[in-house]
């Protein structure tokens, strides 16, 4: 039953992740361009260049803000990772062979003493 729940959570997370793949790419690209614009603004010495880099930065910032639904995709990726880790850790098949006669010698000795 636990595997069914993990599968359903993983399926929903995968669908959300795939649905937000475009905004995630847009957010990443926007953040990279915003970083370049900030660096250009800091390095610029002429007022016109500062104004130009500032304008580019504001336009890219407004464009990047429109891709905030990508945060749902990032959260879905984290949930998918957690489901993957729990799926592999909770195996119903035991990997170690348990010896049914593990305590046999001690129990036999207890019986012989009585």
C-alpha atoms as a PDB file:
ATOM      1  CA  UNK A   1       0.000   0.000   0.000  1.00  0.00           C
ATOM      2  CA  UNK A   2       2.903   2.297   0.730  1.00  0.00           C
ATOM      3  CA  UNK A   3       4.268   1.760  -2.779  1.00  0.00           C
ATOM      4  CA  UNK A   4       0.924   2.757  -4.292  1.00  0.00           C
ATOM      5  CA  UNK A   5       0.937   6.044  -2.379  1.00  0.00           C
ATOM      6  CA  UNK A   6       4.531   6.724  -3.369  1.00  0.00           C
ATOM      7  CA  UNK A   7       3.684   5.952  -6.981  1.00  0.00           C
ATOM      8  CA  UNK A   8       0.715   8.343  -6.981  1.00  0.00           C
ATOM      9  CA  UNK A   9       2.713  11.145  -5.370  1.00  0.00           C
ATOM     10  CA  UNK A  10       5.549  10.534  -7.827  1.00  0.00           C
ATOM     11  CA  UNK A  11       3.185  10.525 -10.798  1.00  0.00           C
ATOM     12  CA  UNK A  12       1.609  13.827  -9.776  1.00  0.00           C
ATOM     13  CA  UNK A  13       5.045  15.354  -9.147  1.00  0.00           C
ATOM     14  CA  UNK A  14       6.269  14.153 -12.560  1.00  0.00           C
ATOM     15  CA  UNK A  15       3.241  15.681 -14.299  1.00  0.00           C
ATOM     16  CA  UNK A  16       3.741  19.001 -12.498  1.00  0.00           C
ATOM     17  CA  UNK A  17       7.445  18.919 -13.350  1.00  0.00           C
ATOM     18  CA  UNK A  18       6.772  18.290 -17.036  1.00  0.00           C
ATOM     19  CA  UNK A  19       4.054  20.957 -17.132  1.00  0.00           C
ATOM     20  CA  UNK A  20       6.459  23.540 -15.710  1.00  0.00           C
ATOM     21  CA  UNK A  21       9.516  22.603 -17.781  1.00  0.00           C
ATOM     22  CA  UNK A  22       9.105  25.624 -20.066  1.00  0.00           C
ATOM     23  CA  UNK A  23       8.807  28.181 -17.270  1.00  0.00           C
ATOM     24  CA  UNK A  24      11.769  26.549 -15.500  1.00  0.00           C
ATOM     25  CA  UNK A  25      13.951  27.048 -18.568  1.00  0.00           C
ATOM     26  CA  UNK A  26      12.657  30.617 -18.901  1.00  0.00           C
ATOM     27  CA  UNK A  27      13.404  31.323 -15.237  1.00  0.00           C
ATOM     28  CA  UNK A  28      16.925  29.924 -15.487  1.00  0.00           C
ATOM     29  CA  UNK A  29      17.652  31.855 -18.687  1.00  0.00           C
ATOM     30  CA  UNK A  30      16.198  35.033 -17.214  1.00  0.00           C
ATOM     31  CA  UNK A  31      18.320  34.701 -14.078  1.00  0.00           C
ATOM     32  CA  UNK A  32      21.469  34.229 -16.166  1.00  0.00           C
ATOM     33  CA  UNK A  33      20.698  37.300 -18.287  1.00  0.00           C
ATOM     34  CA  UNK A  34      19.841  39.279 -15.145  1.00  0.00           C
ATOM     35  CA  UNK A  35      23.209  38.324 -13.645  1.00  0.00           C
ATOM     36  CA  UNK A  36      25.010  39.472 -16.812  1.00  0.00           C
ATOM     37  CA  UNK A  37      23.059  42.739 -16.787  1.00  0.00           C
ATOM     38  CA  UNK A  38      23.952  43.339 -13.144  1.00  0.00           C
ATOM     39  CA  UNK A  39      27.640  42.697 -13.808  1.00  0.00           C
ATOM     40  CA  UNK A  40      27.494  45.031 -16.826  1.00  0.00           C
ATOM     41  CA  UNK A  41      25.803  47.703 -14.710  1.00  0.00           C
ATOM     42  CA  UNK A  42      28.481  47.462 -12.012  1.00  0.00           C
ATOM     43  CA  UNK A  43      31.360  47.600 -14.528  1.00  0.00           C
ATOM     44  CA  UNK A  44      29.930  50.450 -16.629  1.00  0.00           C
ATOM     45  CA  UNK A  45      31.435  53.864 -16.032  1.00  0.00           C
ATOM     46  CA  UNK A  46      29.495  56.026 -18.490  1.00  0.00           C
ATOM     47  CA  UNK A  47      26.021  57.172 -17.371  1.00  0.00           C
ATOM     48  CA  UNK A  48      24.429  56.066 -20.637  1.00  0.00           C
ATOM     49  CA  UNK A  49      25.851  52.532 -20.258  1.00  0.00           C
ATOM     50  CA  UNK A  50      24.635  52.376 -16.654  1.00  0.00           C
ATOM     51  CA  UNK A  51      21.200  53.510 -17.781  1.00  0.00           C
ATOM     52  CA  UNK A  52      21.210  50.941 -20.624  1.00  0.00           C
ATOM     53  CA  UNK A  53      22.257  48.046 -18.359  1.00  0.00           C
ATOM     54  CA  UNK A  54      19.719  49.160 -15.746  1.00  0.00           C
ATOM     55  CA  UNK A  55      16.956  49.238 -18.353  1.00  0.00           C
ATOM     56  CA  UNK A  56      17.926  45.780 -19.624  1.00  0.00           C
ATOM     57  CA  UNK A  57      17.995  44.531 -16.039  1.00  0.00           C
ATOM     58  CA  UNK A  58      14.510  45.852 -15.269  1.00  0.00           C
ATOM     59  CA  UNK A  59      13.041  44.389 -18.457  1.00  0.00           C
ATOM     60  CA  UNK A  60      14.639  40.992 -17.786  1.00  0.00           C
ATOM     61  CA  UNK A  61      13.535  41.120 -14.135  1.00  0.00           C
ATOM     62  CA  UNK A  62       9.926  41.701 -15.163  1.00  0.00           C
ATOM     63  CA  UNK A  63      10.179  38.872 -17.682  1.00  0.00           C
ATOM     64  CA  UNK A  64      11.713  36.562 -15.088  1.00  0.00           C
ATOM     65  CA  UNK A  65       8.962  37.329 -12.579  1.00  0.00           C
ATOM     66  CA  UNK A  66       6.423  36.038 -15.088  1.00  0.00           C
ATOM     67  CA  UNK A  67       8.116  32.632 -14.861  1.00  0.00           C
ATOM     68  CA  UNK A  68       7.555  32.240 -11.117  1.00  0.00           C
ATOM     69  CA  UNK A  69       5.251  29.234 -11.636  1.00  0.00           C
ATOM     70  CA  UNK A  70       8.533  27.441 -12.290  1.00  0.00           C
ATOM     71  CA  UNK A  71       8.913  27.308  -8.503  1.00  0.00           C
ATOM     72  CA  UNK A  72       6.134  24.690  -8.514  1.00  0.00           C
ATOM     73  CA  UNK A  73       8.250  22.671 -10.949  1.00  0.00           C
ATOM     74  CA  UNK A  74      11.287  22.980  -8.697  1.00  0.00           C
ATOM     75  CA  UNK A  75       9.248  21.832  -5.700  1.00  0.00           C
ATOM     76  CA  UNK A  76       7.894  18.939  -7.801  1.00  0.00           C
ATOM     77  CA  UNK A  77      11.463  17.934  -8.680  1.00  0.00           C
ATOM     78  CA  UNK A  78      12.359  17.871  -4.978  1.00  0.00           C
ATOM     79  CA  UNK A  79       9.257  15.791  -4.176  1.00  0.00           C
ATOM     80  CA  UNK A  80      10.125  13.409  -7.013  1.00  0.00           C
ATOM     81  CA  UNK A  81      13.633  13.004  -5.592  1.00  0.00           C
ATOM     82  CA  UNK A  82      12.256  12.284  -2.111  1.00  0.00           C
ATOM     83  CA  UNK A  83       9.820   9.711  -3.529  1.00  0.00           C
ATOM     84  CA  UNK A  84      12.694   8.070  -5.426  1.00  0.00           C
ATOM     85  CA  UNK A  85      14.800   7.835  -2.251  1.00  0.00           C
ATOM     86  CA  UNK A  86      11.907   6.420  -0.202  1.00  0.00           C
ATOM     87  CA  UNK A  87      10.997   3.966  -2.968  1.00  0.00           C
ATOM     88  CA  UNK A  88      14.484   2.484  -2.917  1.00  0.00           C
ATOM     89  CA  UNK A  89      14.787   2.450   0.876  1.00  0.00           C
ATOM     90  CA  UNK A  90      11.498   0.689   1.634  1.00  0.00           C
ATOM     91  CA  UNK A  91      11.865  -2.644  -0.078  1.00  0.00           C
ATOM     92  CA  UNK A  92       9.398  -5.317   1.100  1.00  0.00           C
ATOM     93  CA  UNK A  93      11.815  -8.073   0.028  1.00  0.00           C
ATOM     94  CA  UNK A  94      14.431  -8.638   2.678  1.00  0.00           C
ATOM     95  CA  UNK A  95      17.931  -8.596   1.297  1.00  0.00           C
ATOM     96  CA  UNK A  96      19.501 -10.310   4.292  1.00  0.00           C
ATOM     97  CA  UNK A  97      18.699 -13.934   4.841  1.00  0.00           C
ATOM     98  CA  UNK A  98      17.516 -14.454   8.357  1.00  0.00           C
ATOM     99  CA  UNK A  99      18.609 -17.687   9.922  1.00  0.00           C
ATOM    100  CA  UNK A 100      15.584 -19.407  11.495  1.00  0.00           C
ATOM    101  CA  UNK A 101      17.910 -21.294  13.848  1.00  0.00           C
ATOM    102  CA  UNK A 102      19.749 -18.194  15.020  1.00  0.00           C
ATOM    103  CA  UNK A 103      18.920 -18.706  18.687  1.00  0.00           C
ATOM    104  CA  UNK A 104      18.676 -22.485  18.566  1.00  0.00           C
ATOM    105  CA  UNK A 105      21.887 -23.184  20.474  1.00  0.00           C
ATOM    106  CA  UNK A 106      20.949 -20.859  23.339  1.00  0.00           C
ATOM    107  CA  UNK A 107      17.424 -22.273  23.557  1.00  0.00           C
ATOM    108  CA  UNK A 108      18.744 -25.851  23.480  1.00  0.00           C
ATOM    109  CA  UNK A 109      21.117 -25.029  26.317  1.00  0.00           C
ATOM    110  CA  UNK A 110      18.240 -23.503  28.315  1.00  0.00           C
ATOM    111  CA  UNK A 111      16.148 -26.636  27.794  1.00  0.00           C
ATOM    112  CA  UNK A 112      18.971 -28.939  28.906  1.00  0.00           C
ATOM    113  CA  UNK A 113      19.482 -27.021  32.144  1.00  0.00           C
ATOM    114  CA  UNK A 114      15.898 -27.547  33.283  1.00  0.00           C
END
